[in-house]
Protein backbone atom coordinates (compact mmCIF):
# COMPACT_ATOMS: atom_id res chain seq x y z
CA MET A 1 119.68 107.30 38.43
CA ILE A 2 119.87 105.85 34.93
CA LYS A 3 116.65 106.65 33.05
CA LEU A 4 115.44 104.36 30.28
CA GLY A 5 114.28 106.13 27.14
CA GLU A 6 115.79 109.50 28.03
CA ARG A 7 118.87 111.53 27.23
CA GLN A 8 121.02 112.27 30.23
CA LYS A 9 124.56 113.09 31.24
CA LEU A 10 126.49 110.21 32.77
CA SER A 11 130.12 109.90 33.83
CA ILE A 12 132.63 107.29 32.75
CA VAL A 13 133.41 105.09 35.77
CA LYS A 14 135.20 102.15 34.17
CA LYS A 15 137.02 101.38 30.93
CA VAL A 16 137.00 97.90 29.40
CA ASN A 17 138.23 96.55 26.07
CA PHE A 18 134.71 96.60 24.58
CA GLY A 19 133.68 100.07 25.73
CA VAL A 20 133.14 102.10 28.89
CA TYR A 21 130.71 101.88 31.77
CA LEU A 22 128.74 104.97 32.68
CA ALA A 23 126.99 105.95 35.90
CA ASP A 24 125.11 108.85 37.39
CA VAL A 25 127.82 110.12 39.70
CA PRO A 26 126.85 112.87 42.20
CA LYS A 27 129.08 115.92 41.92
CA GLU A 28 130.57 115.43 45.39
CA GLU A 29 131.67 111.91 44.42
CA GLU A 30 133.30 112.84 41.14
CA GLY A 31 136.98 112.20 41.19
CA GLY A 32 136.45 109.02 43.19
CA PHE A 33 137.11 106.92 40.09
CA ALA A 34 140.74 107.60 39.44
CA ASP A 35 141.08 104.45 37.31
CA ASP A 36 139.27 101.26 36.48
CA THR A 37 140.79 99.38 39.41
CA VAL A 38 137.97 100.55 41.69
CA ALA A 39 135.64 97.85 40.36
CA GLY A 40 134.00 96.23 43.34
CA SER A 41 135.02 98.98 45.77
CA ALA A 42 132.55 100.69 48.07
CA LYS A 43 132.66 103.80 45.92
CA GLU A 44 131.63 102.11 42.67
CA PRO A 45 128.01 102.87 41.72
CA GLU A 46 125.64 99.91 41.79
CA GLU A 47 123.85 101.08 38.63
CA ARG A 48 125.98 101.25 35.50
CA VAL A 49 125.36 101.07 31.77
CA LEU A 50 127.66 100.13 28.92
CA LEU A 51 128.56 102.50 26.10
CA PRO A 52 129.95 100.27 23.30
CA GLY A 53 133.49 100.94 22.18
CA LYS A 54 132.52 102.11 18.68
CA GLU A 55 130.67 105.05 20.29
CA VAL A 56 133.24 106.06 22.89
CA PRO A 57 134.79 109.45 22.02
CA GLU A 58 138.48 109.42 21.24
CA ASN A 59 140.69 110.13 24.28
CA ALA A 60 137.75 109.64 26.67
CA GLU A 61 138.91 109.20 30.26
CA ILE A 62 137.37 108.07 33.55
CA GLY A 63 135.41 110.93 35.07
CA ASP A 64 134.44 112.43 31.69
CA GLU A 65 130.76 113.28 31.38
CA LEU A 66 128.92 112.15 28.24
CA ASP A 67 125.46 112.99 26.89
CA VAL A 68 123.76 109.67 26.05
CA PHE A 69 120.40 108.05 25.36
CA ILE A 70 119.46 104.87 27.26
CA TYR A 71 117.62 101.97 25.60
CA ARG A 72 117.53 98.16 25.65
CA ASP A 73 119.45 96.05 23.16
CA SER A 74 118.21 92.88 21.43
CA GLU A 75 118.96 90.89 24.59
CA ASP A 76 116.98 93.33 26.76
CA ARG A 77 120.08 94.75 28.44
CA LEU A 78 120.32 98.48 29.19
CA ILE A 79 122.71 100.13 26.77
CA ALA A 80 123.84 103.70 26.12
CA THR A 81 124.32 105.49 22.83
CA THR A 82 125.66 108.91 21.88
CA ARG A 83 123.48 108.94 18.76
CA GLN A 84 120.60 111.39 18.52
CA THR A 85 117.18 109.73 18.57
CA GLU A 86 113.94 111.01 17.06
CA LEU A 87 112.12 110.95 20.39
CA SER A 88 112.41 110.19 24.10
CA VAL A 89 109.91 109.00 26.70
CA GLY A 90 106.86 111.27 26.76
CA LYS A 91 107.72 112.94 23.44
CA THR A 92 106.23 112.54 19.96
CA ALA A 93 107.68 111.99 16.51
CA VAL A 94 106.67 110.72 13.08
CA LEU A 95 108.15 107.30 12.34
CA LYS A 96 107.75 104.85 9.45
CA VAL A 97 106.40 101.30 9.73
CA LYS A 98 109.04 98.75 8.72
CA GLU A 99 106.92 95.63 9.16
CA VAL A 100 103.76 94.32 10.80
CA GLY A 101 104.04 91.22 13.00
CA LYS A 102 101.84 89.11 15.24
CA ILE A 103 101.87 91.55 18.17
CA GLY A 104 101.91 94.85 16.35
CA ALA A 105 103.87 97.05 13.96
CA PHE A 106 107.60 97.69 14.18
CA LEU A 107 108.83 101.21 13.55
CA GLY A 108 112.24 102.20 12.31
CA TRP A 109 114.30 104.91 13.99
CA SER A 110 117.95 105.86 14.40
CA LEU A 111 118.81 102.80 16.56
CA GLU A 112 119.25 99.19 15.42
CA LYS A 113 116.41 97.77 17.51
CA ASP A 114 113.03 98.73 16.04
CA LEU A 115 110.27 100.13 18.24
CA LEU A 116 107.10 98.13 18.85
CA LEU A 117 103.70 99.73 18.23
CA PRO A 118 101.26 97.19 19.78
CA PHE A 119 97.94 96.60 18.01
CA LYS A 120 96.06 97.94 21.05
CA GLU A 121 97.94 101.24 20.74
CA GLN A 122 97.06 101.74 17.06
CA THR A 123 94.23 104.02 15.94
CA CYS A 124 94.06 102.68 12.37
CA ASN A 125 95.31 99.76 10.30
CA LEU A 126 98.96 100.07 9.33
CA SER A 127 101.11 98.61 6.58
CA PRO A 128 104.86 98.75 5.80
CA GLY A 129 105.91 102.19 4.62
CA THR A 130 103.13 104.03 6.44
CA GLU A 131 104.16 107.10 8.43
CA CYS A 132 102.50 107.56 11.81
CA LEU A 133 102.71 109.99 14.69
CA VAL A 134 103.61 108.19 17.92
CA ALA A 135 104.69 108.86 21.49
CA LEU A 136 107.33 106.84 23.35
CA TYR A 137 106.49 105.18 26.68
CA ILE A 138 107.75 102.38 28.94
CA ASP A 139 105.39 99.38 29.05
CA LYS A 140 104.61 97.16 32.06
CA SER A 141 107.54 94.88 31.27
CA GLY A 142 109.98 97.80 31.34
CA ARG A 143 110.50 98.01 27.59
CA LEU A 144 110.28 100.98 25.25
CA CYS A 145 107.05 101.00 23.24
CA THR A 146 105.11 103.47 21.13
CA THR A 147 101.47 104.52 20.93
CA MET A 148 99.37 106.36 18.36
CA LYS A 149 97.10 107.51 21.18
CA VAL A 150 99.20 110.61 21.65
CA TYR A 151 96.57 112.90 23.22
CA PRO A 152 98.19 112.89 26.72
CA TYR A 153 101.62 113.60 25.26
CA LEU A 154 100.85 116.62 23.09
CA ARG A 155 101.85 120.13 24.10
CA THR A 156 99.44 122.96 24.89
CA ASP A 157 101.84 125.89 24.72
CA SER A 158 101.59 126.85 21.05
CA SER A 159 101.75 130.51 20.03
CA CYS A 160 98.68 130.13 17.78
CA LYS A 161 95.92 132.73 17.82
CA LYS A 162 92.33 132.72 16.59
CA ASP A 163 92.08 132.66 12.77
CA ASP A 164 95.70 131.55 12.31
CA ARG A 165 96.24 128.98 9.56
CA VAL A 166 97.96 125.81 10.78
CA GLU A 167 99.13 122.45 9.45
CA GLY A 168 98.51 119.25 11.36
CA ARG A 169 98.28 115.47 11.25
CA VAL A 170 95.15 113.48 12.14
CA TYR A 171 96.03 110.88 14.76
CA GLU A 172 92.64 109.68 15.99
CA ILE A 173 88.94 109.99 15.14
CA ILE A 174 86.28 109.52 17.81
CA ASP A 175 82.74 109.96 16.48
CA LYS A 176 81.47 111.24 19.82
CA PHE A 177 83.95 114.13 19.91
CA GLY A 178 85.47 114.76 16.50
CA ILE A 179 88.81 114.56 14.72
CA PHE A 180 91.96 114.81 16.82
CA VAL A 181 94.86 116.64 15.20
CA ALA A 182 98.47 117.22 16.21
CA VAL A 183 99.40 120.67 14.91
CA ASP A 184 103.04 120.67 13.79
CA ASP A 185 103.05 117.05 15.05
CA CYS A 186 103.26 118.22 18.67
CA TYR A 187 100.40 120.59 19.69
CA SER A 188 96.98 119.38 20.85
CA ALA A 189 94.03 120.31 18.62
CA MET A 190 90.64 119.01 17.53
CA ILE A 191 88.12 119.51 14.74
CA PRO A 192 84.81 119.31 16.67
CA LYS A 193 82.12 116.87 15.56
CA LYS A 194 79.89 119.76 14.43
CA GLU A 195 82.48 120.87 11.85
CA PRO A 196 82.07 119.41 8.33
CA ALA A 197 85.06 117.15 7.69
CA ALA A 198 83.90 114.33 5.45
CA GLY A 199 86.50 111.94 4.07
CA ILE A 200 89.22 112.71 6.61
CA ARG A 201 91.16 109.65 7.84
CA VAL A 202 93.81 108.93 10.47
CA GLY A 203 97.23 109.82 9.08
CA ASP A 204 95.94 112.59 6.80
CA LYS A 205 97.71 115.93 6.84
CA VAL A 206 95.29 118.85 7.03
CA SER A 207 95.40 122.60 6.65
CA ALA A 208 93.00 124.27 9.06
CA ARG A 209 91.98 127.54 10.70
CA VAL A 210 92.16 128.08 14.46
CA THR A 211 88.63 128.93 15.60
CA GLU A 212 89.42 129.07 19.32
CA VAL A 213 92.31 128.76 21.75
CA LEU A 214 90.85 127.08 24.82
CA GLU A 215 91.77 128.04 28.38
CA ASP A 216 93.96 124.95 28.74
CA GLY A 217 95.89 125.84 25.58
CA LYS A 218 94.31 123.24 23.30
CA LEU A 219 93.17 124.40 19.87
CA SER A 220 89.80 124.12 18.16
CA LEU A 221 90.10 123.91 14.38
CA SER A 222 87.98 124.19 11.27
CA LEU A 223 88.78 123.06 7.75
CA ARG A 224 86.63 125.91 6.48
CA GLU A 225 87.31 129.60 6.03
CA LYS A 226 85.55 132.47 7.77
CA ALA A 227 81.85 132.60 6.86
CA TYR A 228 82.08 135.43 4.33
CA LEU A 229 85.00 133.75 2.54
CA GLN A 230 83.59 130.25 2.75
CA MET A 231 80.24 131.37 1.32
CA GLU A 232 81.92 132.09 -2.03
CA LYS A 233 83.42 128.60 -2.16
CA ASP A 234 80.19 126.96 -1.03
CA ALA A 235 78.16 128.81 -3.65
CA ALA A 236 80.60 127.72 -6.34
CA LEU A 237 80.30 124.13 -5.10
CA VAL A 238 76.48 124.25 -5.27
CA MET A 239 76.67 125.56 -8.86
CA LYS A 240 79.07 122.77 -9.79
CA MET A 241 76.73 120.19 -8.27
CA LEU A 242 73.83 121.66 -10.24
CA GLU A 243 75.79 121.46 -13.49
CA GLU A 244 76.80 117.86 -12.78
CA ASN A 245 73.20 116.87 -12.03
CA GLY A 246 71.41 118.28 -15.05
CA GLY A 247 70.73 121.69 -13.53
CA ARG A 248 68.70 120.50 -10.55
CA LEU A 249 69.25 119.22 -6.99
CA PRO A 250 66.49 117.13 -5.34
CA PHE A 251 66.76 119.02 -2.02
CA ASN A 252 66.82 122.61 -0.84
CA ASP A 253 67.90 124.56 2.25
CA LYS A 254 64.92 123.25 4.22
CA ALA A 255 66.11 119.64 3.94
CA ASP A 256 67.33 117.60 6.91
CA ALA A 257 70.73 118.74 8.19
CA GLU A 258 72.25 115.26 7.92
CA LEU A 259 71.09 114.90 4.32
CA ILE A 260 72.66 118.26 3.45
CA ARG A 261 75.91 117.36 5.20
CA GLY A 262 76.04 113.97 3.50
CA LYS A 263 75.41 115.40 0.02
CA THR A 264 77.46 118.61 0.21
CA GLY A 265 79.81 118.38 3.20
CA MET A 266 78.30 121.63 4.52
CA SER A 267 76.30 122.35 7.62
CA LYS A 268 72.68 123.36 7.07
CA ASN A 269 73.48 127.01 7.84
CA GLU A 270 76.42 127.04 5.42
CA PHE A 271 74.30 125.50 2.67
CA LYS A 272 71.53 128.00 3.38
CA ARG A 273 73.97 130.94 3.03
CA ALA A 274 75.32 129.58 -0.26
CA VAL A 275 71.83 129.00 -1.67
CA GLY A 276 70.74 132.48 -0.52
CA LYS A 277 73.70 134.05 -2.30
CA LEU A 278 72.92 132.26 -5.56
CA TYR A 279 69.24 133.15 -5.26
CA LYS A 280 70.04 136.86 -4.77
CA GLN A 281 72.27 136.68 -7.86
CA ARG A 282 69.30 135.15 -9.72
CA LEU A 283 71.34 132.12 -10.67
CA ILE A 284 68.89 129.64 -9.16
CA VAL A 285 65.26 129.25 -8.24
CA ILE A 286 64.18 127.49 -5.07
CA GLU A 287 61.44 124.92 -5.63
CA PRO A 288 59.35 123.11 -2.97
CA GLU A 289 61.41 119.91 -3.41
CA GLY A 290 64.72 121.19 -4.63
CA ILE A 291 66.87 123.79 -6.37
CA LYS A 292 66.97 124.55 -10.09
CA LYS A 293 69.58 126.41 -12.09
CA VAL A 294 68.24 129.38 -14.04
């Protein structure tokens, strides 16, 4: 069976002046195509695909097996290529937007025909030159398309452990759940909603810490360090904010959690630890309505 959007090994069953035809020939039938005169015979496979002449290996003969990728050309005909492609059906890769049209964005890759990324499959606005992580799928019309909604296509077999540092790319943000990240552009991970992550956008590359490896292999991430390490950074940030605001902040660690997160990017507990550290060092005083630098 010839599989669209996948690499597979097919055998040469017919030679023509513009290339060769390939088919998925069962092992027991190999050798049944002694030459190209069998066209139309009972033994000729019904399903064949053309490999253009410019890609046919030198001295290729009928019966030779070739490793090819199957796609559709500009006229929607199945065609084979020996070129390596960045991705295949069900796999992910980072591709660059070449142009944005009326039905979506068109992504460049190693083949002449660009890949369509429909508007409904985008998780943010795109412009020419933008890099985006996508997965390849076959749409309802039988054509190769891409999607930025890569969650179902990401792997869950990483070797990451708790507290490992990882690099990833943000591919979707859903307020109800959090920030979805593809670690190494292929492993499923998420920064939960409870984690401070202000200013992060789809497409951003992030450096994060693995806080948990879930039973299904997915990763939970944090942009922050372990508590004892992060407290130093948070305390330094509070001091910087004090200096930039005339030595006083109009809120303290008893303020509303959302206000604290919005002003500092910290959770209420993280802010409380930072303030407590500065207070013990006698660098600040805590007032009923705020914090003051000593």
